[in-house]
């Protein structure tokens, strides 16, 4: 868990909570990981409305502040492993998948 800190005036925050399970030994193994991540940048968002009349003048788009942006969140999955393929070589595999909601 953390914040955006000084870079964004402490407006943003986020977190990554996960667990790993490894099967095998140092030379050949496979690791499964799963978790949940979330982040809110804290940046201001502006929305534009369509045609507004003000004192008989038509403004096509008028911006107004609509909040501090959405909370991006979702589960994370990963599979990784290593397999010895020679006396001095190993095959290493790593993957990450993030599903945002």
PDB file of N, CA and C in Angstrom:
ATOM      1  N   UNK A   1       0.840  -1.162   0.000  1.00  0.00           N
ATOM      2  CA  UNK A   1       0.000   0.000   0.000  1.00  0.00           C
ATOM      3  C   UNK A   1       0.892   1.233   0.000  1.00  0.00           C
ATOM      4  N   UNK A   2       0.436   2.283  -0.636  1.00  0.00           N
ATOM      5  CA  UNK A   2       1.229   3.494  -0.669  1.00  0.00           C
ATOM      6  C   UNK A   2       0.444   4.676  -1.208  1.00  0.00           C
ATOM      7  N   UNK A   3       1.104   5.826  -1.248  1.00  0.00           N
ATOM      8  CA  UNK A   3       0.500   7.042  -1.776  1.00  0.00           C
ATOM      9  C   UNK A   3       1.359   7.576  -2.909  1.00  0.00           C
ATOM     10  N   UNK A   4       0.825   8.578  -3.595  1.00  0.00           N
ATOM     11  CA  UNK A   4       1.593   9.206  -4.669  1.00  0.00           C
ATOM     12  C   UNK A   4       2.697  10.087  -4.107  1.00  0.00           C
ATOM     13  N   UNK A   5       2.618  10.386  -2.836  1.00  0.00           N
ATOM     14  CA  UNK A   5       3.666  11.154  -2.176  1.00  0.00           C
ATOM     15  C   UNK A   5       3.754  12.590  -2.659  1.00  0.00           C
ATOM     16  N   UNK A   6       4.927  13.114  -2.544  1.00  0.00           N
ATOM     17  CA  UNK A   6       5.179  14.511  -2.877  1.00  0.00           C
ATOM     18  C   UNK A   6       4.906  14.810  -4.345  1.00  0.00           C
ATOM     19  N   UNK A   7       5.089  13.828  -5.239  1.00  0.00           N
ATOM     20  CA  UNK A   7       4.948  14.057  -6.674  1.00  0.00           C
ATOM     21  C   UNK A   7       3.546  14.509  -7.088  1.00  0.00           C
ATOM     22  N   UNK A   8       2.520  14.060  -6.375  1.00  0.00           N
ATOM     23  CA  UNK A   8       1.148  14.440  -6.731  1.00  0.00           C
ATOM     24  C   UNK A   8       0.410  15.013  -5.520  1.00  0.00           C
ATOM     25  N   UNK A   9       1.119  15.687  -4.652  1.00  0.00           N
ATOM     26  CA  UNK A   9       0.547  16.335  -3.460  1.00  0.00           C
ATOM     27  C   UNK A   9      -0.259  15.365  -2.591  1.00  0.00           C
ATOM     28  N   UNK A  10       0.173  14.116  -2.531  1.00  0.00           N
ATOM     29  CA  UNK A  10      -0.450  13.079  -1.698  1.00  0.00           C
ATOM     30  C   UNK A  10      -1.921  12.839  -2.047  1.00  0.00           C
ATOM     31  N   UNK A  11      -2.322  13.090  -3.309  1.00  0.00           N
ATOM     32  CA  UNK A  11      -3.721  12.898  -3.706  1.00  0.00           C
ATOM     33  C   UNK A  11      -4.008  11.465  -4.138  1.00  0.00           C
ATOM     34  N   UNK A  12      -3.022  10.725  -4.608  1.00  0.00           N
ATOM     35  CA  UNK A  12      -3.251   9.378  -5.115  1.00  0.00           C
ATOM     36  C   UNK A  12      -2.848   8.308  -4.116  1.00  0.00           C
ATOM     37  N   UNK A  13      -3.361   7.101  -4.352  1.00  0.00           N
ATOM     38  CA  UNK A  13      -3.009   5.971  -3.505  1.00  0.00           C
ATOM     39  C   UNK A  13      -3.159   4.683  -4.293  1.00  0.00           C
ATOM     40  N   UNK A  14      -2.643   3.597  -3.753  1.00  0.00           N
ATOM     41  CA  UNK A  14      -2.760   2.312  -4.407  1.00  0.00           C
ATOM     42  C   UNK A  14      -2.269   1.199  -3.506  1.00  0.00           C
ATOM     43  N   UNK A  15      -2.522  -0.020  -3.948  1.00  0.00           N
ATOM     44  CA  UNK A  15      -2.086  -1.174  -3.179  1.00  0.00           C
ATOM     45  C   UNK A  15      -1.996  -2.409  -4.048  1.00  0.00           C
ATOM     46  N   UNK A  16      -1.165  -3.342  -3.628  1.00  0.00           N
ATOM     47  CA  UNK A  16      -0.996  -4.619  -4.313  1.00  0.00           C
ATOM     48  C   UNK A  16      -0.904  -5.688  -3.236  1.00  0.00           C
ATOM     49  N   UNK A  17      -1.878  -6.568  -3.193  1.00  0.00           N
ATOM     50  CA  UNK A  17      -1.923  -7.639  -2.202  1.00  0.00           C
ATOM     51  C   UNK A  17      -1.911  -8.959  -2.962  1.00  0.00           C
ATOM     52  N   UNK A  18      -0.941  -9.833  -2.669  1.00  0.00           N
ATOM     53  CA  UNK A  18      -0.808 -11.055  -3.439  1.00  0.00           C
ATOM     54  C   UNK A  18      -0.158 -12.158  -2.616  1.00  0.00           C
ATOM     55  N   UNK A  19      -0.204 -13.382  -3.146  1.00  0.00           N
ATOM     56  CA  UNK A  19       0.427 -14.543  -2.520  1.00  0.00           C
ATOM     57  C   UNK A  19       1.031 -15.419  -3.616  1.00  0.00           C
ATOM     58  N   UNK A  20       2.125 -16.106  -3.302  1.00  0.00           N
ATOM     59  CA  UNK A  20       2.810 -17.009  -4.224  1.00  0.00           C
ATOM     60  C   UNK A  20       2.848 -18.414  -3.631  1.00  0.00           C
ATOM     61  N   UNK A  21       2.765 -19.418  -4.506  1.00  0.00           N
ATOM     62  CA  UNK A  21       2.946 -20.812  -4.116  1.00  0.00           C
ATOM     63  C   UNK A  21       3.917 -21.425  -5.115  1.00  0.00           C
ATOM     64  N   UNK A  22       5.004 -22.030  -4.608  1.00  0.00           N
ATOM     65  CA  UNK A  22       6.025 -22.618  -5.475  1.00  0.00           C
ATOM     66  C   UNK A  22       6.104 -24.118  -5.225  1.00  0.00           C
ATOM     67  N   UNK A  23       6.145 -24.883  -6.322  1.00  0.00           N
ATOM     68  CA  UNK A  23       6.312 -26.333  -6.264  1.00  0.00           C
ATOM     69  C   UNK A  23       7.601 -26.688  -6.988  1.00  0.00           C
ATOM     70  N   UNK A  24       8.413 -27.550  -6.397  1.00  0.00           N
ATOM     71  CA  UNK A  24       9.647 -27.986  -7.028  1.00  0.00           C
ATOM     72  C   UNK A  24      10.858 -27.615  -6.195  1.00  0.00           C
ATOM     73  N   UNK A  25      12.019 -27.718  -6.830  1.00  0.00           N
ATOM     74  CA  UNK A  25      13.263 -27.377  -6.143  1.00  0.00           C
ATOM     75  C   UNK A  25      13.946 -26.226  -6.873  1.00  0.00           C
ATOM     76  N   UNK A  26      15.200 -25.976  -6.501  1.00  0.00           N
ATOM     77  CA  UNK A  26      15.943 -24.846  -7.060  1.00  0.00           C
ATOM     78  C   UNK A  26      16.205 -25.003  -8.558  1.00  0.00           C
ATOM     79  N   UNK A  27      16.327 -26.201  -9.041  1.00  0.00           N
ATOM     80  CA  UNK A  27      16.668 -26.445 -10.450  1.00  0.00           C
ATOM     81  C   UNK A  27      15.439 -26.522 -11.364  1.00  0.00           C
ATOM     82  N   UNK A  28      14.328 -27.022 -10.845  1.00  0.00           N
ATOM     83  CA  UNK A  28      13.103 -27.119 -11.639  1.00  0.00           C
ATOM     84  C   UNK A  28      11.923 -26.799 -10.734  1.00  0.00           C
ATOM     85  N   UNK A  29      11.166 -25.759 -11.086  1.00  0.00           N
ATOM     86  CA  UNK A  29      10.023 -25.398 -10.260  1.00  0.00           C
ATOM     87  C   UNK A  29       8.993 -24.649 -11.083  1.00  0.00           C
ATOM     88  N   UNK A  30       7.825 -24.492 -10.475  1.00  0.00           N
ATOM     89  CA  UNK A  30       6.754 -23.694 -11.054  1.00  0.00           C
ATOM     90  C   UNK A  30       6.124 -22.889  -9.908  1.00  0.00           C
ATOM     91  N   UNK A  31       5.807 -21.636 -10.195  1.00  0.00           N
ATOM     92  CA  UNK A  31       5.225 -20.749  -9.189  1.00  0.00           C
ATOM     93  C   UNK A  31       3.906 -20.187  -9.713  1.00  0.00           C
ATOM     94  N   UNK A  32       2.894 -20.266  -8.868  1.00  0.00           N
ATOM     95  CA  UNK A  32       1.596 -19.673  -9.168  1.00  0.00           C
ATOM     96  C   UNK A  32       1.395 -18.496  -8.217  1.00  0.00           C
ATOM     97  N   UNK A  33       0.939 -17.387  -8.748  1.00  0.00           N
ATOM     98  CA  UNK A  33       0.711 -16.200  -7.932  1.00  0.00           C
ATOM     99  C   UNK A  33      -0.663 -15.626  -8.260  1.00  0.00           C
ATOM    100  N   UNK A  34      -1.301 -15.061  -7.254  1.00  0.00           N
ATOM    101  CA  UNK A  34      -2.593 -14.413  -7.443  1.00  0.00           C
ATOM    102  C   UNK A  34      -2.688 -13.262  -6.446  1.00  0.00           C
ATOM    103  N   UNK A  35      -3.438 -12.254  -6.843  1.00  0.00           N
ATOM    104  CA  UNK A  35      -3.580 -11.116  -5.949  1.00  0.00           C
ATOM    105  C   UNK A  35      -4.619 -10.140  -6.443  1.00  0.00           C
ATOM    106  N   UNK A  36      -4.626  -8.980  -5.818  1.00  0.00           N
ATOM    107  CA  UNK A  36      -5.575  -7.929  -6.154  1.00  0.00           C
ATOM    108  C   UNK A  36      -4.856  -6.591  -6.084  1.00  0.00           C
ATOM    109  N   UNK A  37      -5.033  -5.762  -7.100  1.00  0.00           N
ATOM    110  CA  UNK A  37      -4.369  -4.456  -7.155  1.00  0.00           C
ATOM    111  C   UNK A  37      -5.414  -3.358  -7.350  1.00  0.00           C
ATOM    112  N   UNK A  38      -5.100  -2.182  -6.833  1.00  0.00           N
ATOM    113  CA  UNK A  38      -5.969  -1.030  -7.030  1.00  0.00           C
ATOM    114  C   UNK A  38      -5.122   0.235  -7.010  1.00  0.00           C
ATOM    115  N   UNK A  39      -5.603   1.254  -7.735  1.00  0.00           N
ATOM    116  CA  UNK A  39      -4.870   2.510  -7.817  1.00  0.00           C
ATOM    117  C   UNK A  39      -5.832   3.650  -8.163  1.00  0.00           C
ATOM    118  N   UNK A  40      -5.629   4.764  -7.513  1.00  0.00           N
ATOM    119  CA  UNK A  40      -6.347   5.993  -7.840  1.00  0.00           C
ATOM    120  C   UNK A  40      -5.296   7.089  -7.912  1.00  0.00           C
ATOM    121  N   UNK A  41      -5.163   7.716  -9.092  1.00  0.00           N
ATOM    122  CA  UNK A  41      -4.086   8.682  -9.300  1.00  0.00           C
ATOM    123  C   UNK A  41      -4.324   9.995  -8.586  1.00  0.00           C
ATOM    124  N   UNK A  42      -5.574  10.375  -8.380  1.00  0.00           N
ATOM    125  CA  UNK A  42      -5.867  11.641  -7.732  1.00  0.00           C
ATOM    126  C   UNK A  42      -5.825  12.827  -8.677  1.00  0.00           C
ATOM    127  N   UNK A  43      -5.571  12.577  -9.959  1.00  0.00           N
ATOM    128  CA  UNK A  43      -5.577  13.662 -10.937  1.00  0.00           C
ATOM    129  C   UNK A  43      -7.000  14.150 -11.168  1.00  0.00           C
ATOM    130  N   UNK A  44      -7.139  15.425 -11.416  1.00  0.00           N
ATOM    131  CA  UNK A  44      -8.468  15.997 -11.658  1.00  0.00           C
ATOM    132  C   UNK A  44      -8.950  15.626 -13.054  1.00  0.00           C
ATOM    133  N   UNK A  45     -10.242  15.345 -13.166  1.00  0.00           N
ATOM    134  CA  UNK A  45     -10.864  15.042 -14.444  1.00  0.00           C
ATOM    135  C   UNK A  45     -11.846  16.138 -14.789  1.00  0.00           C
ATOM    136  N   UNK A  46     -11.897  16.452 -16.078  1.00  0.00           N
ATOM    137  CA  UNK A  46     -12.841  17.465 -16.540  1.00  0.00           C
ATOM    138  C   UNK A  46     -13.789  16.834 -17.542  1.00  0.00           C
ATOM    139  N   UNK A  47     -15.061  17.214 -17.441  1.00  0.00           N
ATOM    140  CA  UNK A  47     -16.094  16.734 -18.342  1.00  0.00           C
ATOM    141  C   UNK A  47     -16.660  17.933 -19.090  1.00  0.00           C
ATOM    142  N   UNK A  48     -17.045  17.701 -20.319  1.00  0.00           N
ATOM    143  CA  UNK A  48     -17.576  18.774 -21.153  1.00  0.00           C
ATOM    144  C   UNK A  48     -19.058  18.533 -21.402  1.00  0.00           C
ATOM    145  N   UNK A  49     -19.855  19.558 -21.141  1.00  0.00           N
ATOM    146  CA  UNK A  49     -21.283  19.455 -21.412  1.00  0.00           C
ATOM    147  C   UNK A  49     -21.561  19.995 -22.813  1.00  0.00           C
ATOM    148  N   UNK A  50     -22.677  19.594 -23.363  1.00  0.00           N
ATOM    149  CA  UNK A  50     -23.051  20.066 -24.686  1.00  0.00           C
ATOM    150  C   UNK A  50     -23.915  21.317 -24.562  1.00  0.00           C
ATOM    151  N   UNK A  51     -23.933  22.134 -25.590  1.00  0.00           N
ATOM    152  CA  UNK A  51     -24.655  23.388 -25.717  1.00  0.00           C
ATOM    153  C   UNK A  51     -25.315  23.979 -24.486  1.00  0.00           C
ATOM    154  N   UNK A  52     -24.734  24.997 -23.932  1.00  0.00           N
ATOM    155  CA  UNK A  52     -25.307  25.713 -22.797  1.00  0.00           C
ATOM    156  C   UNK A  52     -25.498  27.172 -23.210  1.00  0.00           C
ATOM    157  N   UNK A  53     -26.678  27.704 -22.919  1.00  0.00           N
ATOM    158  CA  UNK A  53     -26.944  29.114 -23.210  1.00  0.00           C
ATOM    159  C   UNK A  53     -26.618  29.954 -21.976  1.00  0.00           C
ATOM    160  N   UNK A  54     -25.883  31.017 -22.188  1.00  0.00           N
ATOM    161  CA  UNK A  54     -25.574  31.943 -21.104  1.00  0.00           C
ATOM    162  C   UNK A  54     -25.700  33.350 -21.666  1.00  0.00           C
ATOM    163  N   UNK A  55     -26.673  34.101 -21.169  1.00  0.00           N
ATOM    164  CA  UNK A  55     -26.926  35.467 -21.638  1.00  0.00           C
ATOM    165  C   UNK A  55     -27.054  35.528 -23.161  1.00  0.00           C
ATOM    166  N   UNK A  56     -27.872  34.666 -23.696  1.00  0.00           N
ATOM    167  CA  UNK A  56     -28.205  34.612 -25.120  1.00  0.00           C
ATOM    168  C   UNK A  56     -27.056  34.150 -26.012  1.00  0.00           C
ATOM    169  N   UNK A  57     -25.971  33.668 -25.463  1.00  0.00           N
ATOM    170  CA  UNK A  57     -24.864  33.137 -26.267  1.00  0.00           C
ATOM    171  C   UNK A  57     -24.796  31.626 -26.064  1.00  0.00           C
ATOM    172  N   UNK A  58     -24.566  30.901 -27.143  1.00  0.00           N
ATOM    173  CA  UNK A  58     -24.473  29.450 -27.082  1.00  0.00           C
ATOM    174  C   UNK A  58     -23.006  29.057 -26.978  1.00  0.00           C
ATOM    175  N   UNK A  59     -22.673  28.333 -25.929  1.00  0.00           N
ATOM    176  CA  UNK A  59     -21.332  27.769 -25.774  1.00  0.00           C
ATOM    177  C   UNK A  59     -21.422  26.286 -26.139  1.00  0.00           C
ATOM    178  N   UNK A  60     -20.637  25.865 -27.132  1.00  0.00           N
ATOM    179  CA  UNK A  60     -20.714  24.481 -27.592  1.00  0.00           C
ATOM    180  C   UNK A  60     -20.269  23.483 -26.527  1.00  0.00           C
ATOM    181  N   UNK A  61     -19.163  23.757 -25.872  1.00  0.00           N
ATOM    182  CA  UNK A  61     -18.700  22.876 -24.804  1.00  0.00           C
ATOM    183  C   UNK A  61     -18.234  23.713 -23.626  1.00  0.00           C
ATOM    184  N   UNK A  62     -18.667  23.340 -22.465  1.00  0.00           N
ATOM    185  CA  UNK A  62     -18.283  24.048 -21.250  1.00  0.00           C
ATOM    186  C   UNK A  62     -17.671  23.025 -20.293  1.00  0.00           C
ATOM    187  N   UNK A  63     -16.402  23.213 -19.917  1.00  0.00           N
ATOM    188  CA  UNK A  63     -15.782  22.231 -19.023  1.00  0.00           C
ATOM    189  C   UNK A  63     -16.180  22.461 -17.570  1.00  0.00           C
ATOM    190  N   UNK A  64     -16.318  21.391 -16.838  1.00  0.00           N
ATOM    191  CA  UNK A  64     -16.489  21.487 -15.392  1.00  0.00           C
ATOM    192  C   UNK A  64     -15.755  20.307 -14.757  1.00  0.00           C
ATOM    193  N   UNK A  65     -15.282  20.516 -13.554  1.00  0.00           N
ATOM    194  CA  UNK A  65     -14.521  19.474 -12.869  1.00  0.00           C
ATOM    195  C   UNK A  65     -15.476  18.409 -12.361  1.00  0.00           C
ATOM    196  N   UNK A  66     -15.200  17.158 -12.718  1.00  0.00           N
ATOM    197  CA  UNK A  66     -16.114  16.073 -12.367  1.00  0.00           C
ATOM    198  C   UNK A  66     -15.560  15.137 -11.305  1.00  0.00           C
ATOM    199  N   UNK A  67     -14.446  15.457 -10.703  1.00  0.00           N
ATOM    200  CA  UNK A  67     -13.938  14.596  -9.635  1.00  0.00           C
ATOM    201  C   UNK A  67     -12.469  14.281  -9.804  1.00  0.00           C
ATOM    202  N   UNK A  68     -12.028  13.336  -9.027  1.00  0.00           N
ATOM    203  CA  UNK A  68     -10.607  13.007  -8.965  1.00  0.00           C
ATOM    204  C   UNK A  68     -10.260  11.722  -9.701  1.00  0.00           C
ATOM    205  N   UNK A  69     -10.970  11.370 -10.714  1.00  0.00           N
ATOM    206  CA  UNK A  69     -10.643  10.194 -11.518  1.00  0.00           C
ATOM    207  C   UNK A  69     -11.134   8.899 -10.894  1.00  0.00           C
ATOM    208  N   UNK A  70     -11.220   7.855 -11.709  1.00  0.00           N
ATOM    209  CA  UNK A  70     -11.770   6.586 -11.246  1.00  0.00           C
ATOM    210  C   UNK A  70     -10.754   5.766 -10.443  1.00  0.00           C
ATOM    211  N   UNK A  71     -11.269   4.826  -9.682  1.00  0.00           N
ATOM    212  CA  UNK A  71     -10.444   3.851  -8.985  1.00  0.00           C
ATOM    213  C   UNK A  71     -10.257   2.675  -9.927  1.00  0.00           C
ATOM    214  N   UNK A  72      -9.031   2.431 -10.347  1.00  0.00           N
ATOM    215  CA  UNK A  72      -8.722   1.311 -11.235  1.00  0.00           C
ATOM    216  C   UNK A  72      -8.357   0.136 -10.350  1.00  0.00           C
ATOM    217  N   UNK A  73      -9.015  -0.995 -10.560  1.00  0.00           N
ATOM    218  CA  UNK A  73      -8.779  -2.148  -9.704  1.00  0.00           C
ATOM    219  C   UNK A  73      -9.002  -3.435 -10.475  1.00  0.00           C
ATOM    220  N   UNK A  74      -8.464  -4.530  -9.932  1.00  0.00           N
ATOM    221  CA  UNK A  74      -8.678  -5.817 -10.561  1.00  0.00           C
ATOM    222  C   UNK A  74      -7.758  -6.896 -10.044  1.00  0.00           C
ATOM    223  N   UNK A  75      -8.091  -8.149 -10.364  1.00  0.00           N
ATOM    224  CA  UNK A  75      -7.263  -9.272  -9.940  1.00  0.00           C
ATOM    225  C   UNK A  75      -6.015  -9.416 -10.808  1.00  0.00           C
ATOM    226  N   UNK A  76      -4.995 -10.037 -10.247  1.00  0.00           N
ATOM    227  CA  UNK A  76      -3.728 -10.281 -10.945  1.00  0.00           C
ATOM    228  C   UNK A  76      -3.410 -11.764 -10.839  1.00  0.00           C
ATOM    229  N   UNK A  77      -2.980 -12.365 -11.954  1.00  0.00           N
ATOM    230  CA  UNK A  77      -2.587 -13.766 -11.975  1.00  0.00           C
ATOM    231  C   UNK A  77      -1.224 -13.893 -12.621  1.00  0.00           C
ATOM    232  N   UNK A  78      -0.441 -14.870 -12.180  1.00  0.00           N
ATOM    233  CA  UNK A  78       0.881 -15.068 -12.757  1.00  0.00           C
ATOM    234  C   UNK A  78       1.276 -16.535 -12.646  1.00  0.00           C
ATOM    235  N   UNK A  79       1.994 -17.003 -13.677  1.00  0.00           N
ATOM    236  CA  UNK A  79       2.596 -18.337 -13.672  1.00  0.00           C
ATOM    237  C   UNK A  79       4.043 -18.158 -14.086  1.00  0.00           C
ATOM    238  N   UNK A  80       4.944 -18.790 -13.355  1.00  0.00           N
ATOM    239  CA  UNK A  80       6.372 -18.686 -13.662  1.00  0.00           C
ATOM    240  C   UNK A  80       7.026 -20.027 -13.381  1.00  0.00           C
ATOM    241  N   UNK A  81       8.189 -20.234 -13.974  1.00  0.00           N
ATOM    242  CA  UNK A  81       8.901 -21.475 -13.725  1.00  0.00           C
ATOM    243  C   UNK A  81      10.284 -21.480 -14.328  1.00  0.00           C
ATOM    244  N   UNK A  82      11.035 -22.507 -13.964  1.00  0.00           N
ATOM    245  CA  UNK A  82      12.374 -22.720 -14.497  1.00  0.00           C
ATOM    246  C   UNK A  82      12.586 -24.214 -14.681  1.00  0.00           C
ATOM    247  N   UNK A  83      13.246 -24.575 -15.778  1.00  0.00           N
ATOM    248  CA  UNK A  83      13.553 -25.979 -16.057  1.00  0.00           C
ATOM    249  C   UNK A  83      14.961 -26.052 -16.635  1.00  0.00           C
ATOM    250  N   UNK A  84      15.757 -26.931 -16.104  1.00  0.00           N
ATOM    251  CA  UNK A  84      17.124 -27.115 -16.581  1.00  0.00           C
ATOM    252  C   UNK A  84      17.078 -27.862 -17.915  1.00  0.00           C
ATOM    253  N   UNK A  85      17.706 -27.294 -18.954  1.00  0.00           N
ATOM    254  CA  UNK A  85      17.693 -27.904 -20.291  1.00  0.00           C
ATOM    255  C   UNK A  85      19.089 -28.326 -20.750  1.00  0.00           C
ATOM    256  N   UNK A  86      20.095 -28.074 -19.959  1.00  0.00           N
ATOM    257  CA  UNK A  86      21.472 -28.452 -20.300  1.00  0.00           C
ATOM    258  C   UNK A  86      22.346 -28.330 -19.072  1.00  0.00           C
ATOM    259  N   UNK A  87      23.640 -28.557 -19.268  1.00  0.00           N
ATOM    260  CA  UNK A  87      24.542 -28.470 -18.120  1.00  0.00           C
ATOM    261  C   UNK A  87      24.736 -27.036 -17.647  1.00  0.00           C
ATOM    262  N   UNK A  88      24.627 -26.071 -18.582  1.00  0.00           N
ATOM    263  CA  UNK A  88      24.809 -24.669 -18.215  1.00  0.00           C
ATOM    264  C   UNK A  88      23.652 -23.775 -18.653  1.00  0.00           C
ATOM    265  N   UNK A  89      22.524 -24.373 -18.993  1.00  0.00           N
ATOM    266  CA  UNK A  89      21.403 -23.576 -19.492  1.00  0.00           C
ATOM    267  C   UNK A  89      20.098 -24.004 -18.827  1.00  0.00           C
ATOM    268  N   UNK A  90      19.216 -23.029 -18.627  1.00  0.00           N
ATOM    269  CA  UNK A  90      17.891 -23.275 -18.071  1.00  0.00           C
ATOM    270  C   UNK A  90      16.863 -22.481 -18.861  1.00  0.00           C
ATOM    271  N   UNK A  91      15.660 -23.008 -18.940  1.00  0.00           N
ATOM    272  CA  UNK A  91      14.547 -22.316 -19.573  1.00  0.00           C
ATOM    273  C   UNK A  91      13.761 -21.624 -18.463  1.00  0.00           C
ATOM    274  N   UNK A  92      13.590 -20.304 -18.585  1.00  0.00           N
ATOM    275  CA  UNK A  92      12.874 -19.513 -17.586  1.00  0.00           C
ATOM    276  C   UNK A  92      11.619 -18.936 -18.227  1.00  0.00           C
ATOM    277  N   UNK A  93      10.493 -19.055 -17.528  1.00  0.00           N
ATOM    278  CA  UNK A  93       9.225 -18.548 -18.037  1.00  0.00           C
ATOM    279  C   UNK A  93       8.555 -17.700 -16.961  1.00  0.00           C
ATOM    280  N   UNK A  94       7.979 -16.567 -17.360  1.00  0.00           N
ATOM    281  CA  UNK A  94       7.261 -15.696 -16.429  1.00  0.00           C
ATOM    282  C   UNK A  94       6.136 -15.005 -17.175  1.00  0.00           C
ATOM    283  N   UNK A  95       4.973 -14.928 -16.561  1.00  0.00           N
ATOM    284  CA  UNK A  95       3.832 -14.246 -17.188  1.00  0.00           C
ATOM    285  C   UNK A  95       3.070 -13.476 -16.133  1.00  0.00           C
ATOM    286  N   UNK A  96       2.408 -12.408 -16.551  1.00  0.00           N
ATOM    287  CA  UNK A  96       1.565 -11.616 -15.673  1.00  0.00           C
ATOM    288  C   UNK A  96       0.295 -11.232 -16.416  1.00  0.00           C
ATOM    289  N   UNK A  97      -0.817 -11.327 -15.744  1.00  0.00           N
ATOM    290  CA  UNK A  97      -2.089 -10.932 -16.322  1.00  0.00           C
ATOM    291  C   UNK A  97      -2.835 -10.064 -15.324  1.00  0.00           C
ATOM    292  N   UNK A  98      -3.275  -8.900 -15.786  1.00  0.00           N
ATOM    293  CA  UNK A  98      -4.047  -7.995 -14.945  1.00  0.00           C
ATOM    294  C   UNK A  98      -5.399  -7.768 -15.608  1.00  0.00           C
ATOM    295  N   UNK A  99      -6.461  -7.982 -14.871  1.00  0.00           N
ATOM    296  CA  UNK A  99      -7.815  -7.741 -15.355  1.00  0.00           C
ATOM    297  C   UNK A  99      -8.346  -6.508 -14.648  1.00  0.00           C
ATOM    298  N   UNK A 100      -8.559  -5.424 -15.373  1.00  0.00           N
ATOM    299  CA  UNK A 100      -9.048  -4.210 -14.730  1.00  0.00           C
ATOM    300  C   UNK A 100     -10.572  -4.169 -14.724  1.00  0.00           C
ATOM    301  N   UNK A 101     -11.105  -3.642 -13.653  1.00  0.00           N
ATOM    302  CA  UNK A 101     -12.553  -3.546 -13.490  1.00  0.00           C
ATOM    303  C   UNK A 101     -12.938  -2.074 -13.521  1.00  0.00           C
TER     304      UNK A 101
END
